[in-house]
Amino acid sequence: MAEIAPQRIGEFLRIVFLRLWQESAGLPVGETLAQIPQTTVLTDFELEYIPSTHTPRYERTVRLATIPYVRAGWLVKKKGRWILTDEGKQACKSFTNAEAFYKESERVFEEWRANRSLLSLVTEEAEENAWGQIRAYLLEMKPYEFQILVGDLLTAMGYSMGWVAPPQKDRGFVNFIVFTDPLCLSLPRIKVHILHSGQPVLLEGLKAFMAVLGTDDVGIFISSGGFTRNVIEEAHAQAGRITLIDLEAFYDLWFEYYDRLTPAGRQRFSLKPIQFLAPME
């Protein structure tokens, strides 16, 4: 059966790695793979859809070719997002030209292909599809609906609600004031701000939230659109006074505390486990 040549695979990988190099937080896999046809002209064979997967051959090939780089620690795949690690960047620096990168890509890929299993790819694609559906479901929620979901999670985590913003309060920087004790007397108070716009929070947005924090307050900033690098760096500089939670972190917490949610909370955002055969390492 005809296959895409190793040198061509190396070219695809180089495009992917160069694109990811520019994004410290990584990119969604769809956006990453879309860079390939935008950078190089694909043949009809490379564009042909594989019937069993309903994906173009070049895309399937890249997914397979990146598996050994994940195992080498160069690349991280998480919830449909690919991230080039510092180790990956350092390794890429050793290849001074495209030919050297092609040869290394071929060596790593051929070494892995001798014992490859499609189970890794099946699981990866299933996880990406599942996260894509979950992400779309959460982003389609209205702001107050998402606020209720956050309240469900905070309660499941053991926080006590001292104040909840009413439905008509669609502006302002405090959606909840929560405490770690049932009588809501403990300090520091925890002020929670929720931004459900789908856009990354800019530094100005973080500073505006910090301005409402008193000396006895700490803040939790939840943004379904994530945060810019400057925001993340500034939050780290606050030495624990600000906690940032993006959509992925929110989902991870929801999954972790799922058994402690109220029946109403689980009904609002219900999850069902599905078992897959784990690929052998």
C-alpha atoms as a PDB file:
ATOM      1  CA  MET A   1       0.000   0.000   0.000  1.00  0.00           C
ATOM      2  CA  ALA A   2       1.318   3.456  -0.920  1.00  0.00           C
ATOM      3  CA  GLU A   3       2.337   5.717   1.929  1.00  0.00           C
ATOM      4  CA  ILE A   4       3.574   9.259   2.366  1.00  0.00           C
ATOM      5  CA  ALA A   5       7.381   9.327   2.157  1.00  0.00           C
ATOM      6  CA  PRO A   6       9.353   9.821   5.406  1.00  0.00           C
ATOM      7  CA  GLN A   7      10.948  13.038   4.099  1.00  0.00           C
ATOM      8  CA  ARG A   8       7.491  14.434   3.396  1.00  0.00           C
ATOM      9  CA  ILE A   9       6.402  13.432   6.891  1.00  0.00           C
ATOM     10  CA  GLY A  10       9.397  15.311   8.223  1.00  0.00           C
ATOM     11  CA  GLU A  11       8.292  18.373   6.294  1.00  0.00           C
ATOM     12  CA  PHE A  12       4.828  18.168   7.846  1.00  0.00           C
ATOM     13  CA  LEU A  13       6.316  17.785  11.314  1.00  0.00           C
ATOM     14  CA  ARG A  14       8.585  20.764  10.818  1.00  0.00           C
ATOM     15  CA  ILE A  15       5.574  22.905   9.891  1.00  0.00           C
ATOM     16  CA  VAL A  16       3.743  21.735  13.000  1.00  0.00           C
ATOM     17  CA  PHE A  17       6.698  22.310  15.315  1.00  0.00           C
ATOM     18  CA  LEU A  18       7.453  25.762  13.935  1.00  0.00           C
ATOM     19  CA  ARG A  19       3.833  26.797  14.413  1.00  0.00           C
ATOM     20  CA  LEU A  20       3.730  25.476  17.961  1.00  0.00           C
ATOM     21  CA  TRP A  21       7.031  27.164  18.749  1.00  0.00           C
ATOM     22  CA  GLN A  22       5.236  30.518  18.563  1.00  0.00           C
ATOM     23  CA  GLU A  23       2.542  29.525  21.069  1.00  0.00           C
ATOM     24  CA  SER A  24       3.706  28.827  24.619  1.00  0.00           C
ATOM     25  CA  ALA A  25       0.210  27.674  25.602  1.00  0.00           C
ATOM     26  CA  GLY A  26      -0.067  25.467  22.528  1.00  0.00           C
ATOM     27  CA  LEU A  27      -2.847  25.372  19.967  1.00  0.00           C
ATOM     28  CA  PRO A  28      -5.987  23.318  19.318  1.00  0.00           C
ATOM     29  CA  VAL A  29      -5.080  20.337  17.169  1.00  0.00           C
ATOM     30  CA  GLY A  30      -7.388  21.474  14.355  1.00  0.00           C
ATOM     31  CA  GLU A  31      -5.671  24.844  14.138  1.00  0.00           C
ATOM     32  CA  THR A  32      -2.268  23.184  14.287  1.00  0.00           C
ATOM     33  CA  LEU A  33      -2.972  20.746  11.469  1.00  0.00           C
ATOM     34  CA  ALA A  34      -4.626  23.468   9.379  1.00  0.00           C
ATOM     35  CA  GLN A  35      -1.203  25.121   9.123  1.00  0.00           C
ATOM     36  CA  ILE A  36       0.046  22.321   6.857  1.00  0.00           C
ATOM     37  CA  PRO A  37      -2.159  22.975   3.775  1.00  0.00           C
ATOM     38  CA  GLN A  38      -1.617  26.706   4.328  1.00  0.00           C
ATOM     39  CA  THR A  39       2.154  26.238   4.147  1.00  0.00           C
ATOM     40  CA  THR A  40       2.690  23.568   1.513  1.00  0.00           C
ATOM     41  CA  VAL A  41       0.755  22.361  -1.520  1.00  0.00           C
ATOM     42  CA  LEU A  42      -0.717  18.950  -0.812  1.00  0.00           C
ATOM     43  CA  THR A  43      -1.139  16.241  -3.397  1.00  0.00           C
ATOM     44  CA  ASP A  44      -4.452  14.554  -4.120  1.00  0.00           C
ATOM     45  CA  PHE A  45      -3.104  11.457  -2.395  1.00  0.00           C
ATOM     46  CA  GLU A  46      -2.262  13.430   0.748  1.00  0.00           C
ATOM     47  CA  LEU A  47      -5.660  15.133   0.737  1.00  0.00           C
ATOM     48  CA  GLU A  48      -7.581  11.908   0.148  1.00  0.00           C
ATOM     49  CA  TYR A  49      -9.915  10.947   2.982  1.00  0.00           C
ATOM     50  CA  ILE A  50      -9.338   7.581   4.632  1.00  0.00           C
ATOM     51  CA  PRO A  51     -12.751   5.837   4.714  1.00  0.00           C
ATOM     52  CA  SER A  52     -12.271   4.193   8.102  1.00  0.00           C
ATOM     53  CA  THR A  53     -11.430   7.476   9.848  1.00  0.00           C
ATOM     54  CA  HIS A  54     -13.056  10.201   7.714  1.00  0.00           C
ATOM     55  CA  THR A  55      -9.876  12.277   7.994  1.00  0.00           C
ATOM     56  CA  PRO A  56      -7.404  13.356   5.277  1.00  0.00           C
ATOM     57  CA  ARG A  57      -4.393  11.093   4.827  1.00  0.00           C
ATOM     58  CA  TYR A  58      -1.891  13.860   5.669  1.00  0.00           C
ATOM     59  CA  GLU A  59      -3.666  14.559   8.963  1.00  0.00           C
ATOM     60  CA  ARG A  60      -3.767  10.903   9.945  1.00  0.00           C
ATOM     61  CA  THR A  61      -0.097  10.569   9.063  1.00  0.00           C
ATOM     62  CA  VAL A  62       0.917  13.533  11.229  1.00  0.00           C
ATOM     63  CA  ARG A  63      -1.094  12.240  14.174  1.00  0.00           C
ATOM     64  CA  LEU A  64       0.744   8.925  13.948  1.00  0.00           C
ATOM     65  CA  ALA A  65       4.121  10.574  13.416  1.00  0.00           C
ATOM     66  CA  THR A  66       3.792  12.760  16.515  1.00  0.00           C
ATOM     67  CA  ILE A  67       3.226   9.848  18.905  1.00  0.00           C
ATOM     68  CA  PRO A  68       6.942   9.081  19.375  1.00  0.00           C
ATOM     69  CA  TYR A  69       7.606  12.764  20.080  1.00  0.00           C
ATOM     70  CA  VAL A  70       4.982  12.679  22.812  1.00  0.00           C
ATOM     71  CA  ARG A  71       6.696   9.678  24.336  1.00  0.00           C
ATOM     72  CA  ALA A  72      10.047  11.444  24.060  1.00  0.00           C
ATOM     73  CA  GLY A  73       8.665  14.412  26.001  1.00  0.00           C
ATOM     74  CA  TRP A  74       8.936  16.862  23.113  1.00  0.00           C
ATOM     75  CA  LEU A  75       5.219  17.274  22.626  1.00  0.00           C
ATOM     76  CA  VAL A  76       2.262  17.301  24.996  1.00  0.00           C
ATOM     77  CA  LYS A  77      -1.267  16.508  23.857  1.00  0.00           C
ATOM     78  CA  LYS A  78      -3.973  17.562  26.271  1.00  0.00           C
ATOM     79  CA  LYS A  79      -7.698  17.909  25.619  1.00  0.00           C
ATOM     80  CA  GLY A  80      -7.318  18.499  21.912  1.00  0.00           C
ATOM     81  CA  ARG A  81      -4.411  20.929  22.358  1.00  0.00           C
ATOM     82  CA  TRP A  82      -0.815  20.326  21.261  1.00  0.00           C
ATOM     83  CA  ILE A  83       1.991  21.989  23.219  1.00  0.00           C
ATOM     84  CA  LEU A  84       5.681  22.010  22.315  1.00  0.00           C
ATOM     85  CA  THR A  85       7.665  21.501  25.519  1.00  0.00           C
ATOM     86  CA  ASP A  86      10.905  23.209  26.500  1.00  0.00           C
ATOM     87  CA  GLU A  87      12.647  19.881  25.882  1.00  0.00           C
ATOM     88  CA  GLY A  88      11.141  19.793  22.418  1.00  0.00           C
ATOM     89  CA  LYS A  89      12.325  23.308  21.664  1.00  0.00           C
ATOM     90  CA  GLN A  90      15.803  22.496  22.889  1.00  0.00           C
ATOM     91  CA  ALA A  91      15.937  19.355  20.768  1.00  0.00           C
ATOM     92  CA  CYS A  92      14.759  21.243  17.699  1.00  0.00           C
ATOM     93  CA  LYS A  93      17.582  23.766  18.115  1.00  0.00           C
ATOM     94  CA  SER A  94      20.086  21.016  17.369  1.00  0.00           C
ATOM     95  CA  PHE A  95      18.786  20.725  13.806  1.00  0.00           C
ATOM     96  CA  THR A  96      20.313  23.559  11.851  1.00  0.00           C
ATOM     97  CA  ASN A  97      18.447  22.937   8.607  1.00  0.00           C
ATOM     98  CA  ALA A  98      15.432  21.216   7.155  1.00  0.00           C
ATOM     99  CA  GLU A  99      17.404  18.199   5.946  1.00  0.00           C
ATOM    100  CA  ALA A 100      18.722  17.462   9.436  1.00  0.00           C
ATOM    101  CA  PHE A 101      15.224  17.757  10.845  1.00  0.00           C
ATOM    102  CA  TYR A 102      13.891  15.414   8.139  1.00  0.00           C
ATOM    103  CA  LYS A 103      16.496  12.779   9.001  1.00  0.00           C
ATOM    104  CA  GLU A 104      15.746  12.979  12.709  1.00  0.00           C
ATOM    105  CA  SER A 105      12.005  12.869  12.041  1.00  0.00           C
ATOM    106  CA  GLU A 106      12.526   9.792   9.890  1.00  0.00           C
ATOM    107  CA  ARG A 107      14.738   8.085  12.471  1.00  0.00           C
ATOM    108  CA  VAL A 108      12.320   8.648  15.378  1.00  0.00           C
ATOM    109  CA  PHE A 109       9.270   7.765  13.329  1.00  0.00           C
ATOM    110  CA  GLU A 110      10.753   4.608  11.797  1.00  0.00           C
ATOM    111  CA  GLU A 111      12.034   3.475  15.194  1.00  0.00           C
ATOM    112  CA  TRP A 112       8.548   3.763  16.624  1.00  0.00           C
ATOM    113  CA  ARG A 113       6.697   2.462  13.573  1.00  0.00           C
ATOM    114  CA  ALA A 114       8.360  -0.931  13.901  1.00  0.00           C
ATOM    115  CA  ASN A 115       6.280  -1.578  17.007  1.00  0.00           C
ATOM    116  CA  ARG A 116       3.464   0.922  16.607  1.00  0.00           C
ATOM    117  CA  SER A 117      -0.079   0.330  17.707  1.00  0.00           C
ATOM    118  CA  LEU A 118      -3.105   2.192  16.433  1.00  0.00           C
ATOM    119  CA  LEU A 119      -4.591   1.986  19.925  1.00  0.00           C
ATOM    120  CA  SER A 120      -2.708   5.135  20.922  1.00  0.00           C
ATOM    121  CA  LEU A 121      -4.181   7.048  18.025  1.00  0.00           C
ATOM    122  CA  VAL A 122      -7.699   5.726  18.578  1.00  0.00           C
ATOM    123  CA  THR A 123      -7.614   6.821  22.215  1.00  0.00           C
ATOM    124  CA  GLU A 124      -6.138  10.205  21.332  1.00  0.00           C
ATOM    125  CA  GLU A 125      -8.812  10.953  18.744  1.00  0.00           C
ATOM    126  CA  ALA A 126     -11.580   9.786  21.079  1.00  0.00           C
ATOM    127  CA  GLU A 127     -10.319  12.097  23.828  1.00  0.00           C
ATOM    128  CA  GLU A 128     -10.105  15.017  21.398  1.00  0.00           C
ATOM    129  CA  ASN A 129     -13.642  14.438  20.133  1.00  0.00           C
ATOM    130  CA  ALA A 130     -14.995  14.120  23.664  1.00  0.00           C
ATOM    131  CA  TRP A 131     -13.297  17.317  24.806  1.00  0.00           C
ATOM    132  CA  GLY A 132     -14.520  19.140  21.685  1.00  0.00           C
ATOM    133  CA  GLN A 133     -18.125  18.278  22.556  1.00  0.00           C
ATOM    134  CA  ILE A 134     -17.662  19.222  26.220  1.00  0.00           C
ATOM    135  CA  ARG A 135     -16.008  22.522  25.346  1.00  0.00           C
ATOM    136  CA  ALA A 136     -18.764  23.426  22.880  1.00  0.00           C
ATOM    137  CA  TYR A 137     -21.453  22.567  25.441  1.00  0.00           C
ATOM    138  CA  LEU A 138     -19.897  24.789  28.089  1.00  0.00           C
ATOM    139  CA  LEU A 139     -19.250  27.701  25.735  1.00  0.00           C
ATOM    140  CA  GLU A 140     -22.842  27.633  24.495  1.00  0.00           C
ATOM    141  CA  MET A 141     -24.112  28.264  28.027  1.00  0.00           C
ATOM    142  CA  LYS A 142     -25.384  31.713  28.892  1.00  0.00           C
ATOM    143  CA  PRO A 143     -23.226  33.599  31.431  1.00  0.00           C
ATOM    144  CA  TYR A 144     -25.650  33.111  34.323  1.00  0.00           C
ATOM    145  CA  GLU A 145     -26.052  29.414  33.496  1.00  0.00           C
ATOM    146  CA  PHE A 146     -22.280  29.020  33.655  1.00  0.00           C
ATOM    147  CA  GLN A 147     -22.256  30.951  36.941  1.00  0.00           C
ATOM    148  CA  ILE A 148     -24.692  28.419  38.412  1.00  0.00           C
ATOM    149  CA  LEU A 149     -22.370  25.649  37.269  1.00  0.00           C
ATOM    150  CA  VAL A 150     -19.428  27.334  38.998  1.00  0.00           C
ATOM    151  CA  GLY A 151     -21.525  27.598  42.154  1.00  0.00           C
ATOM    152  CA  ASP A 152     -22.253  23.882  41.966  1.00  0.00           C
ATOM    153  CA  LEU A 153     -18.545  23.158  41.745  1.00  0.00           C
ATOM    154  CA  LEU A 154     -17.520  25.473  44.575  1.00  0.00           C
ATOM    155  CA  THR A 155     -20.126  23.913  46.858  1.00  0.00           C
ATOM    156  CA  ALA A 156     -18.915  20.430  45.947  1.00  0.00           C
ATOM    157  CA  MET A 157     -15.371  21.525  46.785  1.00  0.00           C
ATOM    158  CA  GLY A 158     -16.517  22.445  50.309  1.00  0.00           C
ATOM    159  CA  TYR A 159     -16.826  26.226  50.071  1.00  0.00           C
ATOM    160  CA  SER A 160     -19.701  28.053  51.758  1.00  0.00           C
ATOM    161  CA  MET A 161     -21.588  30.716  49.833  1.00  0.00           C
ATOM    162  CA  GLY A 162     -21.545  34.085  51.577  1.00  0.00           C
ATOM    163  CA  TRP A 163     -22.944  36.058  48.649  1.00  0.00           C
ATOM    164  CA  VAL A 164     -24.150  35.239  45.150  1.00  0.00           C
ATOM    165  CA  ALA A 165     -24.625  37.799  42.389  1.00  0.00           C
ATOM    166  CA  PRO A 166     -28.270  37.931  41.250  1.00  0.00           C
ATOM    167  CA  PRO A 167     -29.218  36.988  37.665  1.00  0.00           C
ATOM    168  CA  GLN A 168     -29.677  40.611  36.586  1.00  0.00           C
ATOM    169  CA  LYS A 169     -26.176  41.546  37.735  1.00  0.00           C
ATOM    170  CA  ASP A 170     -24.398  41.089  34.424  1.00  0.00           C
ATOM    171  CA  ARG A 171     -21.628  43.573  35.188  1.00  0.00           C
ATOM    172  CA  GLY A 172     -19.121  43.926  37.974  1.00  0.00           C
ATOM    173  CA  PHE A 173     -16.180  41.876  39.112  1.00  0.00           C
ATOM    174  CA  VAL A 174     -17.628  39.676  41.862  1.00  0.00           C
ATOM    175  CA  ASN A 175     -19.973  36.781  41.147  1.00  0.00           C
ATOM    176  CA  PHE A 176     -19.474  34.973  44.456  1.00  0.00           C
ATOM    177  CA  ILE A 177     -18.004  35.622  47.873  1.00  0.00           C
ATOM    178  CA  VAL A 178     -17.179  32.275  49.438  1.00  0.00           C
ATOM    179  CA  PHE A 179     -15.613  31.069  52.666  1.00  0.00           C
ATOM    180  CA  THR A 180     -13.913  27.940  53.915  1.00  0.00           C
ATOM    181  CA  ASP A 181     -16.129  27.638  57.023  1.00  0.00           C
ATOM    182  CA  PRO A 182     -19.912  27.010  57.193  1.00  0.00           C
ATOM    183  CA  LEU A 183     -20.633  30.261  59.096  1.00  0.00           C
ATOM    184  CA  CYS A 184     -18.780  32.405  56.536  1.00  0.00           C
ATOM    185  CA  LEU A 185     -16.582  33.987  59.188  1.00  0.00           C
ATOM    186  CA  SER A 186     -13.105  32.847  58.180  1.00  0.00           C
ATOM    187  CA  LEU A 187     -10.477  35.020  56.550  1.00  0.00           C
ATOM    188  CA  PRO A 188      -9.377  35.621  53.936  1.00  0.00           C
ATOM    189  CA  ARG A 189     -12.627  36.111  52.067  1.00  0.00           C
ATOM    190  CA  ILE A 190     -12.591  34.561  48.610  1.00  0.00           C
ATOM    191  CA  LYS A 191     -14.019  36.686  45.822  1.00  0.00           C
ATOM    192  CA  VAL A 192     -14.823  34.863  42.604  1.00  0.00           C
ATOM    193  CA  HIS A 193     -15.030  36.550  39.213  1.00  0.00           C
ATOM    194  CA  ILE A 194     -16.406  34.673  36.200  1.00  0.00           C
ATOM    195  CA  LEU A 195     -15.830  35.775  32.609  1.00  0.00           C
ATOM    196  CA  HIS A 196     -17.752  33.676  30.114  1.00  0.00           C
ATOM    197  CA  SER A 197     -17.001  35.415  26.840  1.00  0.00           C
ATOM    198  CA  GLY A 198     -14.800  32.878  25.113  1.00  0.00           C
ATOM    199  CA  GLN A 199     -12.020  35.465  24.755  1.00  0.00           C
ATOM    200  CA  PRO A 200      -8.711  35.358  26.683  1.00  0.00           C
ATOM    201  CA  VAL A 201      -8.474  37.713  29.631  1.00  0.00           C
ATOM    202  CA  LEU A 202      -6.095  40.625  29.112  1.00  0.00           C
ATOM    203  CA  LEU A 203      -3.888  42.164  31.791  1.00  0.00           C
ATOM    204  CA  GLU A 204      -6.288  45.096  32.159  1.00  0.00           C
ATOM    205  CA  GLY A 205      -9.069  42.682  33.071  1.00  0.00           C
ATOM    206  CA  LEU A 206      -6.989  41.020  35.766  1.00  0.00           C
ATOM    207  CA  LYS A 207      -5.958  44.369  37.273  1.00  0.00           C
ATOM    208  CA  ALA A 208      -9.585  45.515  37.335  1.00  0.00           C
ATOM    209  CA  PHE A 209     -10.514  42.408  39.340  1.00  0.00           C
ATOM    210  CA  MET A 210      -7.552  42.842  41.678  1.00  0.00           C
ATOM    211  CA  ALA A 211      -8.725  46.396  42.383  1.00  0.00           C
ATOM    212  CA  VAL A 212     -11.854  45.048  44.138  1.00  0.00           C
ATOM    213  CA  LEU A 213      -9.835  42.812  46.464  1.00  0.00           C
ATOM    214  CA  GLY A 214      -9.397  44.177  49.964  1.00  0.00           C
ATOM    215  CA  THR A 215      -6.554  43.406  52.322  1.00  0.00           C
ATOM    216  CA  ASP A 216      -8.483  40.427  53.699  1.00  0.00           C
ATOM    217  CA  ASP A 217      -9.450  39.077  50.269  1.00  0.00           C
ATOM    218  CA  VAL A 218      -8.051  36.606  47.802  1.00  0.00           C
ATOM    219  CA  GLY A 219      -9.417  36.077  44.316  1.00  0.00           C
ATOM    220  CA  ILE A 220     -10.422  33.272  41.983  1.00  0.00           C
ATOM    221  CA  PHE A 221     -10.696  34.334  38.340  1.00  0.00           C
ATOM    222  CA  ILE A 222     -12.550  31.855  36.120  1.00  0.00           C
ATOM    223  CA  SER A 223     -12.408  32.496  32.377  1.00  0.00           C
ATOM    224  CA  SER A 224     -13.871  30.167  29.759  1.00  0.00           C
ATOM    225  CA  GLY A 225     -11.659  31.857  27.156  1.00  0.00           C
ATOM    226  CA  GLY A 226      -8.439  31.378  29.077  1.00  0.00           C
ATOM    227  CA  PHE A 227      -5.788  33.955  29.885  1.00  0.00           C
ATOM    228  CA  THR A 228      -2.988  35.696  28.029  1.00  0.00           C
ATOM    229  CA  ARG A 229       0.616  35.008  28.989  1.00  0.00           C
ATOM    230  CA  ASN A 230       0.911  38.402  30.707  1.00  0.00           C
ATOM    231  CA  VAL A 231      -2.074  37.590  32.908  1.00  0.00           C
ATOM    232  CA  ILE A 232      -0.633  34.224  33.920  1.00  0.00           C
ATOM    233  CA  GLU A 233       2.716  35.790  34.770  1.00  0.00           C
ATOM    234  CA  GLU A 234       1.094  38.568  36.808  1.00  0.00           C
ATOM    235  CA  ALA A 235      -1.064  36.077  38.734  1.00  0.00           C
ATOM    236  CA  HIS A 236       2.040  34.035  39.595  1.00  0.00           C
ATOM    237  CA  ALA A 237       3.722  37.207  40.827  1.00  0.00           C
ATOM    238  CA  GLN A 238       0.870  37.736  43.315  1.00  0.00           C
ATOM    239  CA  ALA A 239       2.170  34.864  45.445  1.00  0.00           C
ATOM    240  CA  GLY A 240      -1.100  32.962  45.808  1.00  0.00           C
ATOM    241  CA  ARG A 241      -3.444  35.930  46.061  1.00  0.00           C
ATOM    242  CA  ILE A 242      -4.978  35.177  42.637  1.00  0.00           C
ATOM    243  CA  THR A 243      -5.971  31.752  41.312  1.00  0.00           C
ATOM    244  CA  LEU A 244      -6.695  31.443  37.587  1.00  0.00           C
ATOM    245  CA  ILE A 245      -9.035  28.745  36.280  1.00  0.00           C
ATOM    246  CA  ASP A 246      -9.556  28.297  32.550  1.00  0.00           C
ATOM    247  CA  LEU A 247     -12.108  26.008  30.913  1.00  0.00           C
ATOM    248  CA  GLU A 248      -9.819  22.980  30.976  1.00  0.00           C
ATOM    249  CA  ALA A 249      -9.021  23.466  34.661  1.00  0.00           C
ATOM    250  CA  PHE A 250     -12.713  23.948  35.400  1.00  0.00           C
ATOM    251  CA  TYR A 251     -13.523  20.658  33.686  1.00  0.00           C
ATOM    252  CA  ASP A 252     -10.720  18.841  35.531  1.00  0.00           C
ATOM    253  CA  LEU A 253     -12.104  20.097  38.852  1.00  0.00           C
ATOM    254  CA  TRP A 254     -15.657  19.160  37.840  1.00  0.00           C
ATOM    255  CA  PHE A 255     -14.481  15.649  37.027  1.00  0.00           C
ATOM    256  CA  GLU A 256     -12.475  15.396  40.278  1.00  0.00           C
ATOM    257  CA  TYR A 257     -15.403  16.466  42.484  1.00  0.00           C
ATOM    258  CA  TYR A 258     -18.149  14.908  40.370  1.00  0.00           C
ATOM    259  CA  ASP A 259     -19.217  12.446  43.073  1.00  0.00           C
ATOM    260  CA  ARG A 260     -19.661  15.315  45.568  1.00  0.00           C
ATOM    261  CA  LEU A 261     -21.949  17.370  43.323  1.00  0.00           C
ATOM    262  CA  THR A 262     -25.628  17.609  44.113  1.00  0.00           C
ATOM    263  CA  PRO A 263     -27.977  15.638  41.840  1.00  0.00           C
ATOM    264  CA  ALA A 264     -29.079  18.961  40.330  1.00  0.00           C
ATOM    265  CA  GLY A 265     -25.463  19.882  39.612  1.00  0.00           C
ATOM    266  CA  ARG A 266     -24.744  16.567  37.908  1.00  0.00           C
ATOM    267  CA  GLN A 267     -27.897  17.011  35.865  1.00  0.00           C
ATOM    268  CA  ARG A 268     -26.764  20.410  34.621  1.00  0.00           C
ATOM    269  CA  PHE A 269     -23.429  19.059  33.377  1.00  0.00           C
ATOM    270  CA  SER A 270     -23.585  15.286  33.271  1.00  0.00           C
ATOM    271  CA  LEU A 271     -20.607  13.066  32.455  1.00  0.00           C
ATOM    272  CA  LYS A 272     -20.550   9.411  31.497  1.00  0.00           C
ATOM    273  CA  PRO A 273     -17.357   7.311  31.639  1.00  0.00           C
ATOM    274  CA  ILE A 274     -16.532   5.209  28.578  1.00  0.00           C
ATOM    275  CA  GLN A 275     -13.885   2.504  28.686  1.00  0.00           C
ATOM    276  CA  PHE A 276     -11.170   2.137  26.033  1.00  0.00           C
ATOM    277  CA  LEU A 277      -8.492  -0.477  25.741  1.00  0.00           C
ATOM    278  CA  ALA A 278      -5.283   1.134  27.013  1.00  0.00           C
ATOM    279  CA  PRO A 279      -2.349   0.948  24.585  1.00  0.00           C
ATOM    280  CA  MET A 280       0.738  -0.859  25.887  1.00  0.00           C
ATOM    281  CA  GLU A 281       3.645   1.437  26.721  1.00  0.00           C
END
